[in-house]
Amino acid sequence: MYANSLSEIHSALSSKMSNVNEKINRLEQAKRQIKEEQNTCLGEIRKIKNPDLAKSWTGNRAEDFQDARSDAYQAMSTIIYDDYDDYQEKIEGKITMLNIENKALSAASTIAHEADVLLGKGEAVIDQLESKISYLKGCCFNDDNQTESSCRNKASRSGEDGAWYSHAWKSAGRRARQQ
């Protein structure tokens, strides 16, 4: 009974960690592509203002052309310096959140391995095992967006591992922000 539950938990944790890692990889790839596009555009934007018209062009058409070039340069500058940076910051924020989720899943995996050890000890520790499995089921079989809050709530309700969970979650968040 418990061995099957633990097997399902290990499988669910592995699957969720794999999905999170895949999302992180896709976001990092998108961030790299945006950075490459930004660098390409930085080279192209210089061409908008060249050649300098100086005295070779004068009159209304020259002024209209110069105004159009200035407008194009301003529009490109906004995209290159503001929009691309905003996109990269948003992606980095999502990567940070996914890294935090990954750390929480890793912590849950550690608890699952502890439950495996308890299962190996037999009936003497069955209550501890039931508590850990109940805790893990709450963390593993909820919606992805509720992983952190669900795990925190389960830990605080059970009393057991509540302090550990809070410390592990905060540590995971600090490590993810430092990366």
Protein backbone atom coordinates (compact mmCIF):
# COMPACT_ATOMS: atom_id res chain seq x y z
CA MET A 1 0.00 0.00 0.00
CA TYR A 2 2.60 2.57 1.07
CA ALA A 3 5.13 1.37 -1.46
CA ASN A 4 2.64 2.05 -4.27
CA SER A 5 1.86 5.49 -2.87
CA LEU A 6 5.56 6.32 -2.63
CA SER A 7 6.13 5.06 -6.14
CA GLU A 8 3.34 7.33 -7.43
CA ILE A 9 4.80 10.24 -5.46
CA HIS A 10 8.29 9.69 -6.85
CA SER A 11 6.85 9.48 -10.35
CA ALA A 12 4.76 12.65 -9.90
CA LEU A 13 7.71 14.57 -8.46
CA SER A 14 9.97 13.44 -11.26
CA SER A 15 7.39 14.40 -13.88
CA LYS A 16 6.79 17.84 -12.34
CA MET A 17 10.51 18.52 -12.03
CA SER A 18 10.99 17.50 -15.66
CA ASN A 19 8.17 19.81 -16.76
CA VAL A 20 9.59 22.72 -14.76
CA ASN A 21 13.07 22.14 -16.18
CA GLU A 22 11.64 22.04 -19.70
CA LYS A 23 9.85 25.36 -19.12
CA ILE A 24 13.06 26.89 -17.75
CA ASN A 25 15.02 25.70 -20.80
CA ARG A 26 12.43 27.14 -23.20
CA LEU A 27 12.42 30.47 -21.38
CA GLU A 28 16.21 30.64 -21.34
CA GLN A 29 16.24 29.92 -25.08
CA ALA A 30 13.66 32.67 -25.69
CA LYS A 31 15.73 35.08 -23.60
CA ARG A 32 18.85 34.27 -25.64
CA GLN A 33 16.95 34.81 -28.90
CA ILE A 34 15.65 38.17 -27.70
CA LYS A 35 19.17 39.20 -26.72
CA GLU A 36 20.49 38.18 -30.14
CA GLU A 37 17.70 40.13 -31.85
CA GLN A 38 18.45 43.12 -29.66
CA ASN A 39 22.12 43.00 -30.62
CA THR A 40 21.23 42.73 -34.31
CA CYS A 41 18.91 45.71 -34.02
CA LEU A 42 21.59 47.76 -32.28
CA GLY A 43 23.74 47.34 -35.37
CA GLU A 44 20.85 48.17 -37.71
CA ILE A 45 19.67 51.27 -35.88
CA ARG A 46 22.92 53.07 -36.64
CA LYS A 47 22.13 52.78 -40.34
CA ILE A 48 18.96 54.84 -39.95
CA LYS A 49 20.92 58.04 -39.37
CA ASN A 50 23.44 57.41 -42.14
CA PRO A 51 24.39 59.01 -44.34
CA ASP A 52 24.41 62.45 -42.79
CA LEU A 53 22.57 64.68 -45.23
CA ALA A 54 24.40 67.86 -44.26
CA LYS A 55 24.45 70.22 -47.22
CA SER A 56 23.86 67.64 -49.92
CA TRP A 57 20.10 67.79 -49.39
CA THR A 58 18.16 70.94 -48.60
CA GLY A 59 14.59 72.10 -48.73
CA ASN A 60 11.22 70.67 -47.72
CA ARG A 61 11.89 67.15 -48.97
CA ALA A 62 15.15 67.01 -47.04
CA GLU A 63 13.41 68.19 -43.88
CA ASP A 64 10.56 65.68 -44.34
CA PHE A 65 13.06 62.88 -44.93
CA GLN A 66 15.07 63.89 -41.88
CA ASP A 67 11.90 63.99 -39.75
CA ALA A 68 10.88 60.53 -40.97
CA ARG A 69 14.36 59.19 -40.18
CA SER A 70 14.23 60.70 -36.69
CA ASP A 71 10.79 59.18 -36.07
CA ALA A 72 12.01 55.76 -37.24
CA TYR A 73 15.10 56.05 -35.06
CA GLN A 74 13.00 56.96 -32.01
CA ALA A 75 10.59 54.05 -32.62
CA MET A 76 13.47 51.60 -33.01
CA SER A 77 15.20 52.98 -29.91
CA THR A 78 12.09 52.40 -27.83
CA ILE A 79 11.84 48.82 -29.03
CA ILE A 80 15.53 48.05 -28.63
CA TYR A 81 16.20 49.73 -25.32
CA ASP A 82 12.84 49.47 -23.56
CA ASP A 83 10.70 46.68 -24.97
CA TYR A 84 13.45 44.08 -25.35
CA ASP A 85 14.74 44.78 -21.85
CA ASP A 86 11.20 44.48 -20.45
CA TYR A 87 10.72 41.13 -22.20
CA GLN A 88 13.99 39.84 -20.82
CA GLU A 89 13.12 40.97 -17.28
CA LYS A 90 9.71 39.28 -17.45
CA ILE A 91 11.30 36.07 -18.68
CA GLU A 92 13.93 36.24 -15.92
CA GLY A 93 11.14 36.67 -13.33
CA LYS A 94 9.35 33.58 -14.66
CA ILE A 95 12.62 31.62 -14.61
CA THR A 96 13.17 32.66 -10.99
CA MET A 97 9.68 31.49 -10.01
CA LEU A 98 10.19 28.18 -11.79
CA ASN A 99 13.55 27.72 -10.04
CA ILE A 100 11.81 28.29 -6.71
CA GLU A 101 9.16 25.73 -7.65
CA ASN A 102 11.93 23.32 -8.65
CA LYS A 103 13.60 23.77 -5.24
CA ALA A 104 10.29 23.04 -3.51
CA LEU A 105 9.86 19.90 -5.59
CA SER A 106 13.41 18.90 -4.74
CA ALA A 107 12.63 19.36 -1.04
CA ALA A 108 9.52 17.22 -1.45
CA SER A 109 11.66 14.60 -3.18
CA THR A 110 13.97 14.56 -0.18
CA ILE A 111 10.98 13.95 2.09
CA ALA A 112 9.85 11.15 -0.23
CA HIS A 113 13.25 9.51 0.12
CA GLU A 114 12.97 9.84 3.90
CA ALA A 115 9.59 8.13 3.65
CA ASP A 116 11.27 5.32 1.69
CA VAL A 117 13.71 4.89 4.57
CA LEU A 118 10.84 4.82 7.06
CA LEU A 119 9.01 2.25 4.96
CA GLY A 120 12.08 0.06 5.10
CA LYS A 121 12.02 0.17 8.92
CA GLY A 122 8.61 -1.44 9.09
CA GLU A 123 5.67 -1.07 11.46
CA ALA A 124 7.57 0.77 14.19
CA VAL A 125 7.49 3.99 12.22
CA ILE A 126 4.21 3.61 10.32
CA ASP A 127 2.67 6.79 11.85
CA GLN A 128 5.61 8.89 10.69
CA LEU A 129 5.38 7.31 7.27
CA GLU A 130 1.63 8.05 6.99
CA SER A 131 2.29 11.67 7.94
CA LYS A 132 5.01 12.11 5.31
CA ILE A 133 2.97 10.43 2.57
CA SER A 134 -0.06 12.59 3.37
CA TYR A 135 2.11 15.69 3.25
CA LEU A 136 3.67 14.67 -0.07
CA LYS A 137 0.33 13.84 -1.69
CA GLY A 138 -0.80 17.38 -0.93
CA CYS A 139 2.31 18.77 -2.57
CA CYS A 140 2.45 16.46 -5.58
CA PHE A 141 -1.07 16.09 -6.75
CA ASN A 142 -2.20 19.71 -6.79
CA ASP A 143 -2.28 22.20 -9.64
CA ASP A 144 1.22 23.43 -10.59
CA ASN A 145 0.34 26.99 -9.59
CA GLN A 146 -0.60 25.88 -6.09
CA THR A 147 2.49 23.81 -5.26
CA GLU A 148 4.13 26.27 -2.87
CA SER A 149 1.01 27.36 -1.00
CA SER A 150 -0.36 23.81 -0.80
CA CYS A 151 2.88 22.46 0.61
CA ARG A 152 3.12 25.31 3.11
CA ASN A 153 -0.51 24.81 4.22
CA LYS A 154 -0.08 21.05 4.58
CA ALA A 155 3.06 21.56 6.63
CA SER A 156 1.44 24.06 8.95
CA ARG A 157 -1.68 21.88 9.45
CA SER A 158 0.27 18.76 10.23
CA GLY A 159 2.67 20.54 12.57
CA GLU A 160 5.32 18.07 11.51
CA ASP A 161 7.92 19.43 9.11
CA GLY A 162 6.24 22.89 9.22
CA ALA A 163 9.36 24.66 10.45
CA TRP A 164 11.50 22.57 8.13
CA TYR A 165 9.25 23.37 5.16
CA SER A 166 9.23 27.10 5.87
CA HIS A 167 13.02 27.11 6.14
CA ALA A 168 13.42 24.97 2.99
CA TRP A 169 11.05 27.17 0.96
CA LYS A 170 12.80 30.39 2.03
CA SER A 171 16.22 28.87 1.35
CA ALA A 172 15.10 27.73 -2.10
CA GLY A 173 13.85 31.23 -2.86
CA ARG A 174 17.11 32.84 -1.74
CA ARG A 175 19.18 30.39 -3.79
CA ALA A 176 17.06 30.96 -6.89
CA ARG A 177 17.33 34.75 -6.55
CA GLN A 178 21.11 34.52 -6.14
CA GLN A 179 21.50 32.56 -9.39
